[in-house]
C-alpha atoms as a PDB file:
ATOM      1  CA  MET A   1    -156.759 200.960 -72.086  1.00  0.00           C
ATOM      2  CA  GLY A   2    -159.380 198.233 -70.864  1.00  0.00           C
ATOM      3  CA  LEU A   3    -158.711 194.551 -70.566  1.00  0.00           C
ATOM      4  CA  ILE A   4    -161.420 194.336 -73.246  1.00  0.00           C
ATOM      5  CA  GLU A   5    -162.436 197.181 -75.714  1.00  0.00           C
ATOM      6  CA  VAL A   6    -165.110 196.942 -78.544  1.00  0.00           C
ATOM      7  CA  SER A   7    -165.803 199.292 -81.001  1.00  0.00           C
ATOM      8  CA  ASN A   8    -168.785 199.485 -83.441  1.00  0.00           C
ATOM      9  CA  LEU A   9    -169.492 195.596 -83.429  1.00  0.00           C
ATOM     10  CA  PHE A  10    -171.840 194.090 -85.646  1.00  0.00           C
ATOM     11  CA  PHE A  11    -172.919 190.254 -85.765  1.00  0.00           C
ATOM     12  CA  SER A  12    -175.447 187.975 -87.335  1.00  0.00           C
ATOM     13  CA  TYR A  13    -176.404 184.458 -87.853  1.00  0.00           C
ATOM     14  CA  PRO A  14    -176.765 183.194 -91.372  1.00  0.00           C
ATOM     15  CA  THR A  15    -180.605 182.847 -90.965  1.00  0.00           C
ATOM     16  CA  LYS A  16    -181.175 186.224 -88.805  1.00  0.00           C
ATOM     17  CA  LYS A  17    -181.069 189.708 -89.067  1.00  0.00           C
ATOM     18  CA  ASN A  18    -178.110 191.517 -86.824  1.00  0.00           C
ATOM     19  CA  VAL A  19    -178.025 190.210 -83.400  1.00  0.00           C
ATOM     20  CA  LEU A  20    -175.465 192.905 -82.322  1.00  0.00           C
ATOM     21  CA  ASN A  21    -176.025 196.401 -83.893  1.00  0.00           C
ATOM     22  CA  GLY A  22    -172.730 198.690 -83.307  1.00  0.00           C
ATOM     23  CA  ILE A  23    -171.979 197.595 -79.786  1.00  0.00           C
ATOM     24  CA  GLY A  24    -169.420 199.400 -78.087  1.00  0.00           C
ATOM     25  CA  LEU A  25    -168.221 198.878 -74.504  1.00  0.00           C
ATOM     26  CA  ASN A  26    -164.745 198.885 -72.376  1.00  0.00           C
ATOM     27  CA  ILE A  27    -164.045 196.332 -69.544  1.00  0.00           C
ATOM     28  CA  GLU A  28    -162.130 198.405 -66.737  1.00  0.00           C
ATOM     29  CA  GLU A  29    -159.632 196.453 -65.108  1.00  0.00           C
ATOM     30  CA  GLY A  30    -160.053 195.438 -61.363  1.00  0.00           C
ATOM     31  CA  LYS A  31    -163.752 196.035 -62.066  1.00  0.00           C
ATOM     32  CA  PHE A  32    -167.018 193.507 -61.693  1.00  0.00           C
ATOM     33  CA  THR A  33    -168.771 194.401 -64.775  1.00  0.00           C
ATOM     34  CA  CYS A  34    -172.291 192.623 -65.334  1.00  0.00           C
ATOM     35  CA  ILE A  35    -174.006 192.300 -68.688  1.00  0.00           C
ATOM     36  CA  VAL A  36    -177.927 192.152 -68.755  1.00  0.00           C
ATOM     37  CA  GLY A  37    -180.732 192.574 -70.798  1.00  0.00           C
ATOM     38  CA  GLU A  38    -183.594 190.286 -72.018  1.00  0.00           C
ATOM     39  CA  ASN A  39    -183.784 187.060 -73.475  1.00  0.00           C
ATOM     40  CA  GLY A  40    -182.548 187.130 -77.089  1.00  0.00           C
ATOM     41  CA  SER A  41    -180.724 190.625 -76.850  1.00  0.00           C
ATOM     42  CA  GLY A  42    -177.464 189.417 -77.718  1.00  0.00           C
ATOM     43  CA  LYS A  43    -175.689 189.091 -74.451  1.00  0.00           C
ATOM     44  CA  SER A  44    -174.225 185.718 -74.917  1.00  0.00           C
ATOM     45  CA  THR A  45    -173.589 186.348 -78.893  1.00  0.00           C
ATOM     46  CA  LEU A  46    -171.339 189.454 -77.458  1.00  0.00           C
ATOM     47  CA  LEU A  47    -169.134 187.043 -75.359  1.00  0.00           C
ATOM     48  CA  LYS A  48    -168.719 184.608 -77.862  1.00  0.00           C
ATOM     49  CA  CYS A  49    -167.458 187.348 -80.417  1.00  0.00           C
ATOM     50  CA  ILE A  50    -165.187 188.871 -77.867  1.00  0.00           C
ATOM     51  CA  LEU A  51    -164.018 185.437 -77.217  1.00  0.00           C
ATOM     52  CA  GLY A  52    -163.324 184.421 -80.962  1.00  0.00           C
ATOM     53  CA  LEU A  53    -166.061 181.861 -80.736  1.00  0.00           C
ATOM     54  CA  ASN A  54    -168.341 183.484 -83.104  1.00  0.00           C
ATOM     55  CA  LYS A  55    -166.684 184.560 -86.455  1.00  0.00           C
ATOM     56  CA  GLY A  56    -167.534 186.871 -89.024  1.00  0.00           C
ATOM     57  CA  TYR A  57    -167.999 189.656 -87.321  1.00  0.00           C
ATOM     58  CA  THR A  58    -167.306 193.577 -88.009  1.00  0.00           C
ATOM     59  CA  GLY A  59    -166.234 196.055 -86.228  1.00  0.00           C
ATOM     60  CA  GLU A  60    -163.011 196.170 -83.743  1.00  0.00           C
ATOM     61  CA  ILE A  61    -162.313 194.125 -80.532  1.00  0.00           C
ATOM     62  CA  LYS A  62    -159.141 194.517 -78.592  1.00  0.00           C
ATOM     63  CA  LYS A  63    -158.554 192.266 -75.498  1.00  0.00           C
ATOM     64  CA  ILE A  64    -155.808 190.820 -73.353  1.00  0.00           C
ATOM     65  CA  ASP A  65    -154.052 187.135 -74.306  1.00  0.00           C
ATOM     66  CA  ARG A  66    -155.312 184.949 -71.742  1.00  0.00           C
ATOM     67  CA  ILE A  67    -159.060 185.088 -70.391  1.00  0.00           C
ATOM     68  CA  GLY A  68    -160.608 182.417 -68.322  1.00  0.00           C
ATOM     69  CA  TYR A  69    -163.943 181.436 -69.591  1.00  0.00           C
ATOM     70  CA  LEU A  70    -167.060 179.864 -67.935  1.00  0.00           C
ATOM     71  CA  PRO A  71    -169.910 179.054 -70.665  1.00  0.00           C
ATOM     72  CA  GLN A  72    -173.659 178.167 -69.624  1.00  0.00           C
ATOM     73  CA  LYS A  73    -174.593 175.069 -67.797  1.00  0.00           C
ATOM     74  CA  THR A  74    -175.952 173.696 -70.666  1.00  0.00           C
ATOM     75  CA  GLU A  75    -172.368 173.381 -72.275  1.00  0.00           C
ATOM     76  CA  ILE A  76    -170.655 171.834 -69.495  1.00  0.00           C
ATOM     77  CA  GLN A  77    -170.567 168.128 -69.241  1.00  0.00           C
ATOM     78  CA  SER A  78    -171.630 167.445 -65.622  1.00  0.00           C
ATOM     79  CA  ASN A  79    -171.000 164.023 -65.274  1.00  0.00           C
ATOM     80  CA  PHE A  80    -167.194 164.500 -66.305  1.00  0.00           C
ATOM     81  CA  PRO A  81    -165.261 161.491 -64.506  1.00  0.00           C
ATOM     82  CA  ALA A  82    -162.472 163.465 -63.303  1.00  0.00           C
ATOM     83  CA  SER A  83    -161.314 164.933 -59.690  1.00  0.00           C
ATOM     84  CA  ILE A  84    -161.597 168.352 -58.620  1.00  0.00           C
ATOM     85  CA  GLU A  85    -158.214 168.889 -58.558  1.00  0.00           C
ATOM     86  CA  GLU A  86    -157.583 167.466 -62.020  1.00  0.00           C
ATOM     87  CA  ILE A  87    -160.554 169.927 -63.433  1.00  0.00           C
ATOM     88  CA  ILE A  88    -159.193 172.856 -61.657  1.00  0.00           C
ATOM     89  CA  MET A  89    -155.576 172.071 -63.037  1.00  0.00           C
ATOM     90  CA  SER A  90    -157.216 171.531 -66.636  1.00  0.00           C
ATOM     91  CA  GLY A  91    -157.206 175.480 -66.585  1.00  0.00           C
ATOM     92  CA  THR A  92    -153.760 175.977 -66.580  1.00  0.00           C
ATOM     93  CA  ILE A  93    -153.172 174.509 -69.742  1.00  0.00           C
ATOM     94  CA  SER A  94    -153.068 177.315 -71.986  1.00  0.00           C
ATOM     95  CA  ASN A  95    -150.061 178.549 -69.786  1.00  0.00           C
ATOM     96  CA  HIS A  96    -148.022 175.746 -71.235  1.00  0.00           C
ATOM     97  CA  ILE A  97    -149.117 174.859 -74.807  1.00  0.00           C
ATOM     98  CA  ASN A  98    -145.422 173.758 -75.748  1.00  0.00           C
ATOM     99  CA  SER A  99    -145.389 171.303 -72.951  1.00  0.00           C
ATOM    100  CA  ILE A 100    -147.324 168.237 -71.898  1.00  0.00           C
ATOM    101  CA  PHE A 101    -146.083 169.087 -68.069  1.00  0.00           C
ATOM    102  CA  TYR A 102    -147.786 171.421 -65.234  1.00  0.00           C
ATOM    103  CA  LYS A 103    -145.232 174.123 -64.180  1.00  0.00           C
ATOM    104  CA  LYS A 104    -144.647 174.347 -60.657  1.00  0.00           C
ATOM    105  CA  ASP A 105    -146.060 177.711 -60.427  1.00  0.00           C
ATOM    106  CA  ASP A 106    -149.287 176.340 -61.753  1.00  0.00           C
ATOM    107  CA  TYR A 107    -149.683 173.677 -59.311  1.00  0.00           C
ATOM    108  CA  GLU A 108    -148.595 176.104 -56.755  1.00  0.00           C
ATOM    109  CA  LYS A 109    -151.525 178.551 -57.638  1.00  0.00           C
ATOM    110  CA  VAL A 110    -153.929 175.706 -57.974  1.00  0.00           C
ATOM    111  CA  ILE A 111    -153.102 174.394 -54.327  1.00  0.00           C
ATOM    112  CA  ASN A 112    -153.377 177.826 -52.833  1.00  0.00           C
ATOM    113  CA  LEU A 113    -156.790 178.938 -54.735  1.00  0.00           C
ATOM    114  CA  MET A 114    -158.289 175.516 -53.315  1.00  0.00           C
ATOM    115  CA  LYS A 115    -156.925 176.185 -50.025  1.00  0.00           C
ATOM    116  CA  HIS A 116    -158.497 179.930 -50.110  1.00  0.00           C
ATOM    117  CA  LEU A 117    -161.717 178.692 -51.354  1.00  0.00           C
ATOM    118  CA  GLU A 118    -162.437 175.667 -49.006  1.00  0.00           C
ATOM    119  CA  LEU A 119    -162.062 173.095 -51.799  1.00  0.00           C
ATOM    120  CA  TYR A 120    -158.424 171.774 -50.939  1.00  0.00           C
ATOM    121  CA  ASP A 121    -160.250 169.085 -48.429  1.00  0.00           C
ATOM    122  CA  ILE A 122    -162.433 167.838 -51.183  1.00  0.00           C
ATOM    123  CA  ARG A 123    -159.779 167.871 -54.068  1.00  0.00           C
ATOM    124  CA  LYS A 124    -159.751 164.163 -54.690  1.00  0.00           C
ATOM    125  CA  THR A 125    -163.652 164.158 -54.863  1.00  0.00           C
ATOM    126  CA  THR A 126    -164.974 163.152 -58.581  1.00  0.00           C
ATOM    127  CA  PHE A 127    -166.643 166.256 -60.222  1.00  0.00           C
ATOM    128  CA  ALA A 128    -169.754 164.169 -61.008  1.00  0.00           C
ATOM    129  CA  ASP A 129    -170.548 163.610 -57.420  1.00  0.00           C
ATOM    130  CA  LEU A 130    -170.484 167.281 -56.611  1.00  0.00           C
ATOM    131  CA  SER A 131    -173.904 169.374 -56.318  1.00  0.00           C
ATOM    132  CA  GLY A 132    -174.774 172.161 -58.781  1.00  0.00           C
ATOM    133  CA  GLY A 133    -173.481 174.811 -56.822  1.00  0.00           C
ATOM    134  CA  GLN A 134    -170.277 172.973 -56.136  1.00  0.00           C
ATOM    135  CA  GLN A 135    -169.562 172.108 -59.629  1.00  0.00           C
ATOM    136  CA  GLN A 136    -169.958 175.799 -60.503  1.00  0.00           C
ATOM    137  CA  ARG A 137    -167.198 176.877 -57.803  1.00  0.00           C
ATOM    138  CA  VAL A 138    -164.692 174.346 -59.314  1.00  0.00           C
ATOM    139  CA  LEU A 139    -165.355 175.694 -62.840  1.00  0.00           C
ATOM    140  CA  ILE A 140    -165.407 179.197 -61.767  1.00  0.00           C
ATOM    141  CA  VAL A 141    -161.899 178.423 -60.062  1.00  0.00           C
ATOM    142  CA  ARG A 142    -160.720 176.420 -63.187  1.00  0.00           C
ATOM    143  CA  ALA A 143    -161.526 179.867 -65.309  1.00  0.00           C
ATOM    144  CA  VAL A 144    -159.052 182.017 -62.889  1.00  0.00           C
ATOM    145  CA  CYS A 145    -156.398 179.195 -63.701  1.00  0.00           C
ATOM    146  CA  ALA A 146    -156.517 180.213 -67.301  1.00  0.00           C
ATOM    147  CA  THR A 147    -155.705 183.927 -66.598  1.00  0.00           C
ATOM    148  CA  GLU A 148    -154.083 186.137 -64.788  1.00  0.00           C
ATOM    149  CA  LYS A 149    -156.218 189.455 -64.939  1.00  0.00           C
ATOM    150  CA  LEU A 150    -159.832 188.289 -66.302  1.00  0.00           C
ATOM    151  CA  ILE A 151    -162.892 185.909 -66.302  1.00  0.00           C
ATOM    152  CA  VAL A 152    -165.881 186.043 -68.511  1.00  0.00           C
ATOM    153  CA  LEU A 153    -168.719 183.886 -67.201  1.00  0.00           C
ATOM    154  CA  ASP A 154    -172.111 183.432 -68.980  1.00  0.00           C
ATOM    155  CA  GLU A 155    -175.079 183.168 -66.550  1.00  0.00           C
ATOM    156  CA  PRO A 156    -173.283 181.323 -63.708  1.00  0.00           C
ATOM    157  CA  THR A 157    -175.882 181.162 -61.049  1.00  0.00           C
ATOM    158  CA  ASN A 158    -178.711 180.115 -63.747  1.00  0.00           C
ATOM    159  CA  GLY A 159    -180.800 177.183 -62.204  1.00  0.00           C
ATOM    160  CA  LEU A 160    -179.049 177.240 -58.648  1.00  0.00           C
ATOM    161  CA  ASP A 161    -181.131 178.094 -55.414  1.00  0.00           C
ATOM    162  CA  PRO A 162    -181.088 181.470 -54.249  1.00  0.00           C
ATOM    163  CA  SER A 163    -178.794 180.558 -51.229  1.00  0.00           C
ATOM    164  CA  ILE A 164    -176.288 178.927 -53.572  1.00  0.00           C
ATOM    165  CA  ALA A 165    -176.415 181.820 -56.309  1.00  0.00           C
ATOM    166  CA  LYS A 166    -175.535 184.201 -53.183  1.00  0.00           C
ATOM    167  CA  GLN A 167    -172.374 181.807 -52.529  1.00  0.00           C
ATOM    168  CA  ILE A 168    -171.166 182.213 -56.327  1.00  0.00           C
ATOM    169  CA  TYR A 169    -171.523 186.186 -56.165  1.00  0.00           C
ATOM    170  CA  GLU A 170    -169.736 185.946 -52.771  1.00  0.00           C
ATOM    171  CA  LEU A 171    -167.334 183.699 -54.451  1.00  0.00           C
ATOM    172  CA  LEU A 172    -166.936 186.359 -57.557  1.00  0.00           C
ATOM    173  CA  ASP A 173    -166.611 189.252 -54.950  1.00  0.00           C
ATOM    174  CA  HIS A 174    -163.768 187.471 -53.294  1.00  0.00           C
ATOM    175  CA  LEU A 175    -161.844 186.774 -56.420  1.00  0.00           C
ATOM    176  CA  LYS A 176    -162.243 190.297 -57.251  1.00  0.00           C
ATOM    177  CA  ASN A 177    -161.159 191.825 -53.968  1.00  0.00           C
ATOM    178  CA  HIS A 178    -158.579 189.522 -52.904  1.00  0.00           C
ATOM    179  CA  GLU A 179    -157.273 187.810 -56.284  1.00  0.00           C
ATOM    180  CA  LYS A 180    -157.322 191.038 -58.309  1.00  0.00           C
ATOM    181  CA  ILE A 181    -159.452 189.118 -60.841  1.00  0.00           C
ATOM    182  CA  THR A 182    -161.783 191.410 -63.126  1.00  0.00           C
ATOM    183  CA  ILE A 183    -164.983 190.165 -63.697  1.00  0.00           C
ATOM    184  CA  MET A 184    -167.247 189.978 -66.945  1.00  0.00           C
ATOM    185  CA  MET A 185    -170.286 187.997 -66.592  1.00  0.00           C
ATOM    186  CA  VAL A 186    -173.840 187.906 -68.117  1.00  0.00           C
ATOM    187  CA  SER A 187    -176.795 187.671 -65.707  1.00  0.00           C
ATOM    188  CA  HIS A 188    -180.757 187.544 -65.394  1.00  0.00           C
ATOM    189  CA  ASP A 189    -180.434 188.157 -61.424  1.00  0.00           C
ATOM    190  CA  ILE A 190    -180.307 191.662 -61.930  1.00  0.00           C
ATOM    191  CA  ASP A 191    -181.033 192.405 -58.286  1.00  0.00           C
ATOM    192  CA  ARG A 192    -178.473 190.481 -56.998  1.00  0.00           C
ATOM    193  CA  ALA A 193    -176.040 191.295 -59.417  1.00  0.00           C
ATOM    194  CA  LEU A 194    -176.338 195.122 -58.569  1.00  0.00           C
ATOM    195  CA  LYS A 195    -175.367 194.295 -54.795  1.00  0.00           C
ATOM    196  CA  TYR A 196    -171.832 193.173 -56.342  1.00  0.00           C
ATOM    197  CA  ALA A 197    -171.259 194.625 -59.768  1.00  0.00           C
ATOM    198  CA  ASP A 198    -169.335 197.533 -59.696  1.00  0.00           C
ATOM    199  CA  ASN A 199    -170.247 198.561 -63.486  1.00  0.00           C
ATOM    200  CA  VAL A 200    -173.583 197.617 -65.493  1.00  0.00           C
ATOM    201  CA  ILE A 201    -173.853 197.248 -69.181  1.00  0.00           C
ATOM    202  CA  GLU A 202    -177.417 196.779 -70.365  1.00  0.00           C
ATOM    203  CA  ILE A 203    -178.019 195.259 -73.806  1.00  0.00           C
ATOM    204  CA  HIS A 204    -181.377 195.910 -75.876  1.00  0.00           C
ATOM    205  CA  GLU A 205    -182.021 194.386 -79.161  1.00  0.00           C
ATOM    206  CA  GLY A 206    -178.320 194.356 -79.876  1.00  0.00           C
ATOM    207  CA  LYS A 207    -177.412 197.869 -78.903  1.00  0.00           C
ATOM    208  CA  VAL A 208    -176.116 199.256 -75.409  1.00  0.00           C
ATOM    209  CA  GLN A 209    -178.810 200.919 -73.825  1.00  0.00           C
ATOM    210  CA  PHE A 210    -177.100 201.777 -70.537  1.00  0.00           C
ATOM    211  CA  ASP A 211    -173.001 201.731 -69.616  1.00  0.00           C
ATOM    212  CA  GLY A 212    -172.202 203.005 -66.250  1.00  0.00           C
ATOM    213  CA  SER A 213    -172.055 202.440 -62.428  1.00  0.00           C
ATOM    214  CA  ALA A 214    -174.356 200.241 -60.763  1.00  0.00           C
ATOM    215  CA  SER A 215    -175.352 202.793 -58.774  1.00  0.00           C
ATOM    216  CA  ASN A 216    -176.405 205.070 -61.901  1.00  0.00           C
ATOM    217  CA  TYR A 217    -177.965 202.101 -63.106  1.00  0.00           C
ATOM    218  CA  LYS A 218    -180.353 201.724 -60.315  1.00  0.00           C
ATOM    219  CA  MET A 219    -181.251 205.428 -61.061  1.00  0.00           C
ATOM    220  CA  PHE A 220    -181.590 204.984 -64.600  1.00  0.00           C
ATOM    221  CA  LYS A 221    -184.039 202.006 -64.114  1.00  0.00           C
ATOM    222  CA  GLY A 222    -185.745 204.244 -61.994  1.00  0.00           C
ATOM    223  CA  ASP A 223    -186.358 206.700 -64.408  1.00  0.00           C
ATOM    224  CA  GLU A 224    -187.935 204.123 -66.935  1.00  0.00           C
END
């Protein structure tokens, strides 16, 4: 079983026709899966259905209980008055729903991640004082702290300079290979995504157009 399995998924907003039309997919553990497609193809809608943020879909979604999530930047308050450490620690809240206190294991995990990802020395810096790329790094690490296995990201490099976007992909690659985190990510940056992704799923008009390895996707696009 994959960490996420979707079968025959349909979804529509009240004023629109179906946005998702019979989607089926499987997110393999230990893989970096990139979801691609044109604007309006249903990529973000798919993520929100999987995460339970969109109600009223039909079909079946099986998933693990704890998933870290990073929405699009437009949904994030970039001037939040908290430190890097506080932002990342808040990602562990789902681990102790019945307690107001952080667990020792959670704190140790946060400290280790900050050290490995070169955030420890600036951990007291206010989130609002960071650059866009630094904020994304912090929020990705926060998402990792909400899970033991899987993070879901919606266009985490959107609006970033190419050099900063490259750093974000390198961070995700590190998380997959060294922290054993499975990654499911929506991206418009297909060329760069193909350098790091194991698998690619292309959505077109609410349907899966392609589902396979990144190498096979390159051949698929070359044949179009």
